[in-house]
Amino acid sequence: MNKEKFLEELRAELANYEVDDIDEVIAYFDEMIEDRKDNGMDEATIIEHLDSPKEIALVLKGKEYKEDKVDEQLYDDEDHIVYRTKGTDIIYIKVNVMANDVEVIKGEDDDIYFIYDQKEEGRFNITNKGDELKIIYNGPDFSIFEKHEFGDLKLILPKGYLGEMKIETVSGDIDIKDTENSYLKLESVSGDITIRDCEINILKAQATSGHIEIEDTKGQEIKVEAVSGRIELKDIAYDFIKATNVSGAINVDALGDEDDYAIYFDRLFESYKLRSELKDSCRLKLEAVTGHIDYHFHN
């Protein structure tokens, strides 16, 4: 959603709930969005981090916003806030944060838990729309030139959870352990991405300067991209493996035999090498500009 659409919907909700000083509220949010754009944030990302127009209108009217909220807040103390919702109802999870470290693990029951290590600098907007759970950073403006203290996040998934999940962060690390997903997409700028002991059918991981390490993980398709960070794939079993880097190293240790794979090895400053004809079974494609590439197989 762009700014014009957001402000249009906001104006409609403000009028619907008969909020006073509508023009002043619109001007406030218009200026806020422009200020964050001047600080380098993308307009769509800014809008996504804001409360919905309906929630803003209800808050300004002094009413409690309950629709599409997470099912239960278990407790709130000086250190943590814990939320819980039924995992059997959720098929898509989206986490969008700034500098928070995110840990994802497998739980012991059918519920999804979101644990936030409370810090003064940050807070989150959590919405549950039937089959979709969103956890969006909604705290103060973030600048790489200022010192901020952000809390850690932990997401606990149900046993055998096979839904889709997307996690985005700017400088926080992402750590995924012992989980199952049909589709998982991870994006980080400077934070590291680590995945261990998982079964993920389709896995995509992107980092700019952060490192990507994936170990003891299996599925159908894996695509990993980095710019300067290191890519380490160890003890992985996938039908299609693609790793792309610019200046960082690529190290791949895949389960199986080399003869099981059609291997593509490509560097900008080396001749293109095709190790074998394309096969119906497995493919391994490695691409780099100046970074080192190494791969081997074992059973």
Protein backbone atom coordinates (compact mmCIF):
# COMPACT_ATOMS: atom_id res chain seq x y z
CA MET A 1 0.00 0.00 0.00
CA ASN A 2 1.31 3.50 -0.82
CA LYS A 3 0.92 6.67 1.21
CA GLU A 4 -2.00 8.04 -0.78
CA LYS A 5 -4.03 4.84 -0.35
CA PHE A 6 -3.20 4.64 3.36
CA LEU A 7 -4.24 8.25 4.01
CA GLU A 8 -7.42 7.75 1.97
CA GLU A 9 -8.41 4.72 4.06
CA LEU A 10 -7.41 6.52 7.25
CA ARG A 11 -9.59 9.52 6.43
CA ALA A 12 -12.55 7.19 5.76
CA GLU A 13 -12.09 5.37 9.09
CA LEU A 14 -11.69 8.65 10.99
CA ALA A 15 -14.95 9.89 9.50
CA ASN A 16 -16.67 6.57 10.19
CA TYR A 17 -15.82 6.76 13.90
CA GLU A 18 -16.43 10.52 14.03
CA VAL A 19 -12.92 11.41 15.15
CA ASP A 20 -12.29 15.12 15.71
CA ASP A 21 -9.69 17.16 13.79
CA ILE A 22 -9.43 14.75 10.86
CA ASP A 23 -7.30 17.09 8.76
CA GLU A 24 -4.76 17.43 11.60
CA VAL A 25 -4.52 13.65 11.99
CA ILE A 26 -4.00 13.19 8.25
CA ALA A 27 -1.34 15.91 8.22
CA TYR A 28 0.43 14.24 11.16
CA PHE A 29 0.67 10.86 9.45
CA ASP A 30 1.59 12.45 6.12
CA GLU A 31 4.52 14.23 7.77
CA MET A 32 5.55 11.09 9.70
CA ILE A 33 5.72 9.02 6.54
CA GLU A 34 7.72 11.69 4.71
CA ASP A 35 10.17 12.02 7.63
CA ARG A 36 10.81 8.27 7.63
CA LYS A 37 11.29 8.32 3.85
CA ASP A 38 13.88 11.07 4.32
CA ASN A 39 15.68 8.73 6.74
CA GLY A 40 15.97 6.11 4.01
CA MET A 41 12.99 3.85 4.67
CA ASP A 42 10.91 2.47 1.83
CA GLU A 43 7.36 3.87 1.65
CA ALA A 44 5.66 0.46 1.53
CA THR A 45 7.69 -0.70 4.54
CA ILE A 46 6.74 2.41 6.50
CA ILE A 47 3.03 1.83 5.84
CA GLU A 48 3.34 -1.82 6.81
CA HIS A 49 4.87 -0.88 10.16
CA LEU A 50 2.02 1.48 11.05
CA ASP A 51 -1.20 0.44 12.75
CA SER A 52 -4.14 -0.10 10.43
CA PRO A 53 -6.37 2.90 9.65
CA LYS A 54 -9.21 1.28 11.62
CA GLU A 55 -7.02 0.74 14.68
CA ILE A 56 -5.75 4.33 14.56
CA ALA A 57 -9.30 5.64 14.39
CA LEU A 58 -10.47 3.50 17.30
CA VAL A 59 -7.51 4.49 19.46
CA LEU A 60 -8.10 8.19 18.77
CA LYS A 61 -11.75 7.69 19.64
CA GLY A 62 -10.75 6.14 22.94
CA LYS A 63 -12.06 2.66 22.11
CA GLU A 64 -10.28 -0.67 22.44
CA TYR A 65 -9.28 -2.35 19.20
CA LYS A 66 -9.97 -6.08 19.44
CA GLU A 67 -10.55 -7.25 15.90
CA ASP A 68 -7.78 -9.33 14.33
CA LYS A 69 -5.68 -9.23 17.48
CA VAL A 70 -3.68 -12.13 18.81
CA ASP A 71 -5.81 -14.51 20.90
CA GLU A 72 -4.15 -14.20 24.28
CA GLN A 73 -1.48 -12.23 26.10
CA LEU A 74 -0.25 -14.68 28.72
CA TYR A 75 1.71 -12.31 30.92
CA ASP A 76 3.59 -9.05 30.91
CA ASP A 77 6.40 -8.49 33.42
CA GLU A 78 9.47 -6.30 33.54
CA ASP A 79 11.40 -8.59 31.20
CA HIS A 80 9.02 -10.29 28.77
CA ILE A 81 5.72 -10.13 26.95
CA VAL A 82 4.33 -13.48 25.83
CA TYR A 83 1.55 -13.99 23.29
CA ARG A 84 -0.18 -17.23 22.32
CA THR A 85 -2.47 -18.22 19.46
CA LYS A 86 -3.73 -21.55 18.11
CA GLY A 87 -1.19 -22.97 15.70
CA THR A 88 -3.72 -25.21 13.98
CA ASP A 89 -5.44 -22.10 12.61
CA ILE A 90 -2.32 -20.43 11.18
CA ILE A 91 -0.89 -21.34 7.76
CA TYR A 92 1.19 -18.18 7.16
CA ILE A 93 3.49 -16.29 9.56
CA LYS A 94 5.25 -13.02 8.76
CA VAL A 95 7.84 -11.39 11.03
CA ASN A 96 9.19 -7.97 10.06
CA VAL A 97 11.65 -6.37 12.48
CA MET A 98 14.52 -3.90 12.44
CA ALA A 99 17.43 -4.77 14.74
CA ASN A 100 15.91 -7.55 16.83
CA ASP A 101 17.44 -11.04 16.89
CA VAL A 102 14.80 -13.63 15.97
CA GLU A 103 14.88 -17.24 17.19
CA VAL A 104 12.45 -19.90 15.94
CA ILE A 105 12.15 -23.29 17.63
CA LYS A 106 9.69 -26.18 17.88
CA GLY A 107 7.33 -26.32 20.85
CA GLU A 108 5.55 -29.07 22.74
CA ASP A 109 1.88 -28.31 22.02
CA ASP A 110 -0.39 -27.07 19.19
CA ASP A 111 -0.07 -23.37 19.97
CA ILE A 112 2.20 -20.67 18.56
CA TYR A 113 4.06 -18.56 21.14
CA PHE A 114 5.71 -15.20 20.56
CA ILE A 115 8.04 -14.08 23.35
CA TYR A 116 9.39 -10.55 23.32
CA ASP A 117 12.33 -9.51 25.49
CA GLN A 118 10.92 -6.13 26.43
CA LYS A 119 13.15 -3.10 25.96
CA GLU A 120 12.24 0.54 26.24
CA GLU A 121 13.10 1.22 22.59
CA GLY A 122 10.81 -1.22 20.82
CA ARG A 123 7.30 -2.60 20.54
CA PHE A 124 5.34 -4.73 18.07
CA ASN A 125 2.03 -4.80 16.30
CA ILE A 126 0.69 -8.37 16.34
CA THR A 127 -2.35 -9.27 14.24
CA ASN A 128 -4.09 -12.57 13.68
CA LYS A 129 -6.40 -12.64 10.67
CA GLY A 130 -7.82 -16.14 10.70
CA ASP A 131 -5.04 -18.13 9.04
CA GLU A 132 -2.39 -15.37 8.95
CA LEU A 133 -0.22 -14.17 11.84
CA LYS A 134 1.83 -10.97 11.44
CA ILE A 135 4.42 -9.64 13.88
CA ILE A 136 5.58 -6.20 12.77
CA TYR A 137 8.01 -3.84 14.47
CA ASN A 138 6.12 -0.67 15.32
CA GLY A 139 8.51 1.16 17.58
CA PRO A 140 10.45 4.42 17.25
CA ASP A 141 12.27 5.41 14.10
CA PHE A 142 15.41 3.39 13.46
CA SER A 143 18.66 4.89 12.25
CA ILE A 144 21.97 3.12 11.71
CA PHE A 145 23.71 6.26 12.96
CA GLU A 146 22.12 6.12 16.40
CA LYS A 147 22.53 3.66 19.24
CA HIS A 148 19.41 1.60 19.98
CA GLU A 149 18.76 -1.26 22.34
CA PHE A 150 16.36 -3.82 20.90
CA GLY A 151 14.98 -6.90 22.59
CA ASP A 152 15.29 -10.46 21.37
CA LEU A 153 12.31 -12.32 19.91
CA LYS A 154 11.47 -16.00 20.20
CA LEU A 155 8.83 -17.70 18.07
CA ILE A 156 7.78 -21.19 19.20
CA LEU A 157 5.98 -23.25 16.55
CA PRO A 158 3.75 -26.29 17.09
CA LYS A 159 5.03 -29.80 16.51
CA GLY A 160 4.72 -30.70 12.86
CA TYR A 161 3.86 -27.16 11.77
CA LEU A 162 3.88 -27.20 7.95
CA GLY A 163 2.78 -23.66 7.17
CA GLU A 164 4.60 -20.87 5.38
CA MET A 165 6.82 -18.34 7.13
CA LYS A 166 8.68 -15.17 6.13
CA ILE A 167 11.12 -13.32 8.39
CA GLU A 168 12.69 -9.96 7.49
CA THR A 169 15.24 -8.01 9.53
CA VAL A 170 17.75 -5.22 8.96
CA SER A 171 20.59 -5.90 11.39
CA GLY A 172 19.24 -8.63 13.68
CA ASP A 173 20.33 -12.28 13.50
CA ILE A 174 17.88 -15.04 12.51
CA ASP A 175 18.24 -18.47 14.12
CA ILE A 176 15.97 -21.37 13.10
CA LYS A 177 16.19 -24.74 14.91
CA ASP A 178 14.39 -28.09 14.63
CA THR A 179 11.34 -26.87 12.73
CA GLU A 180 9.25 -27.99 9.76
CA ASN A 181 7.90 -25.67 7.08
CA SER A 182 6.46 -26.03 3.61
CA TYR A 183 7.95 -22.65 2.63
CA LEU A 184 10.45 -20.47 4.48
CA LYS A 185 11.91 -17.16 3.27
CA LEU A 186 14.51 -15.26 5.31
CA GLU A 187 15.92 -11.82 4.49
CA SER A 188 18.60 -9.87 6.37
CA VAL A 189 20.89 -6.98 5.55
CA SER A 190 23.77 -7.22 8.04
CA GLY A 191 22.50 -9.87 10.44
CA ASP A 192 23.53 -13.55 10.24
CA ILE A 193 21.12 -16.32 9.23
CA THR A 194 21.50 -19.76 10.86
CA ILE A 195 19.34 -22.84 10.21
CA ARG A 196 19.90 -26.24 11.87
CA ASP A 197 18.11 -29.60 12.07
CA CYS A 198 15.12 -28.55 9.97
CA GLU A 199 12.89 -30.02 7.30
CA ILE A 200 11.91 -27.20 4.95
CA ASN A 201 10.42 -28.06 1.57
CA ILE A 202 11.25 -24.76 -0.14
CA LEU A 203 13.89 -22.61 1.54
CA LYS A 204 15.10 -19.17 0.44
CA ALA A 205 17.66 -17.13 2.37
CA GLN A 206 19.10 -13.73 1.42
CA ALA A 207 21.72 -11.61 3.17
CA THR A 208 23.84 -8.65 2.18
CA SER A 209 26.83 -8.60 4.51
CA GLY A 210 25.60 -11.19 7.01
CA HIS A 211 26.69 -14.84 6.91
CA ILE A 212 24.33 -17.68 6.02
CA GLU A 213 24.88 -21.10 7.66
CA ILE A 214 22.52 -24.02 7.01
CA GLU A 215 23.20 -27.45 8.53
CA ASP A 216 21.41 -30.82 8.79
CA THR A 217 18.46 -29.58 6.76
CA LYS A 218 16.52 -31.27 3.98
CA GLY A 219 13.74 -30.55 1.52
CA GLN A 220 13.00 -30.11 -2.16
CA GLU A 221 14.53 -26.75 -3.17
CA ILE A 222 17.01 -24.37 -1.55
CA LYS A 223 18.18 -21.01 -2.89
CA VAL A 224 20.73 -18.93 -0.97
CA GLU A 225 21.99 -15.48 -1.96
CA ALA A 226 24.62 -13.20 -0.39
CA VAL A 227 26.74 -10.22 -1.39
CA SER A 228 29.79 -10.26 0.88
CA GLY A 229 28.80 -12.64 3.65
CA ARG A 230 29.93 -16.27 3.77
CA ILE A 231 27.58 -19.09 2.66
CA GLU A 232 28.01 -22.42 4.46
CA LEU A 233 25.76 -25.37 3.55
CA LYS A 234 26.60 -28.51 5.52
CA ASP A 235 24.91 -31.93 5.56
CA ILE A 236 22.01 -30.76 3.43
CA ALA A 237 19.79 -32.94 1.25
CA TYR A 238 17.85 -31.11 -1.46
CA ASP A 239 16.78 -31.95 -5.01
CA PHE A 240 17.79 -28.48 -6.19
CA ILE A 241 20.55 -26.42 -4.56
CA LYS A 242 21.48 -22.94 -5.74
CA ALA A 243 23.98 -20.67 -3.99
CA THR A 244 24.88 -17.21 -5.33
CA ASN A 245 27.46 -14.82 -3.91
CA VAL A 246 29.43 -11.77 -5.04
CA SER A 247 32.62 -11.55 -2.99
CA GLY A 248 31.90 -13.98 -0.15
CA ALA A 249 32.87 -17.65 -0.12
CA ILE A 250 30.50 -20.52 -0.91
CA ASN A 251 31.06 -23.88 0.80
CA VAL A 252 28.64 -26.73 0.13
CA ASP A 253 28.61 -30.17 1.74
CA ALA A 254 25.66 -32.11 0.33
CA LEU A 255 24.42 -35.57 1.25
CA GLY A 256 24.56 -38.16 -1.54
CA ASP A 257 26.95 -38.93 -4.38
CA GLU A 258 28.38 -36.48 -6.88
CA ASP A 259 26.93 -38.62 -9.67
CA ASP A 260 23.45 -37.90 -8.30
CA TYR A 261 23.75 -34.21 -9.19
CA ALA A 262 23.94 -32.08 -12.30
CA ILE A 263 26.55 -29.55 -11.19
CA TYR A 264 26.85 -26.00 -12.52
CA PHE A 265 29.94 -24.07 -11.42
CA ASP A 266 30.20 -20.44 -12.52
CA ARG A 267 32.56 -17.58 -11.66
CA LEU A 268 32.99 -14.29 -13.43
CA PHE A 269 36.76 -14.62 -13.74
CA GLU A 270 36.88 -18.34 -14.52
CA SER A 271 35.61 -20.28 -17.48
CA TYR A 272 32.10 -21.70 -17.18
CA LYS A 273 32.20 -25.38 -16.26
CA LEU A 274 29.41 -27.90 -16.70
CA ARG A 275 30.29 -31.06 -14.78
CA SER A 276 27.48 -33.21 -16.13
CA GLU A 277 24.35 -33.10 -18.23
CA LEU A 278 21.16 -31.91 -16.61
CA LYS A 279 19.56 -34.81 -14.77
CA ASP A 280 16.05 -35.47 -13.60
CA SER A 281 17.21 -36.18 -10.06
CA CYS A 282 19.24 -33.40 -8.39
CA ARG A 283 20.85 -30.14 -9.44
CA LEU A 284 23.57 -28.07 -7.80
CA LYS A 285 24.21 -24.56 -9.11
CA LEU A 286 26.92 -22.34 -7.60
CA GLU A 287 27.61 -18.78 -8.77
CA ALA A 288 30.08 -16.14 -7.55
CA VAL A 289 31.88 -13.05 -8.86
CA THR A 290 35.15 -13.02 -6.89
CA GLY A 291 34.31 -15.28 -3.95
CA HIS A 292 35.78 -18.75 -3.47
CA ILE A 293 33.60 -21.79 -4.27
CA ASP A 294 34.07 -25.24 -2.75
CA TYR A 295 31.75 -28.27 -2.67
CA HIS A 296 31.79 -31.97 -1.91
CA PHE A 297 29.44 -34.84 -1.14
CA HIS A 298 29.17 -37.62 1.40
CA ASN A 299 26.70 -40.30 2.47
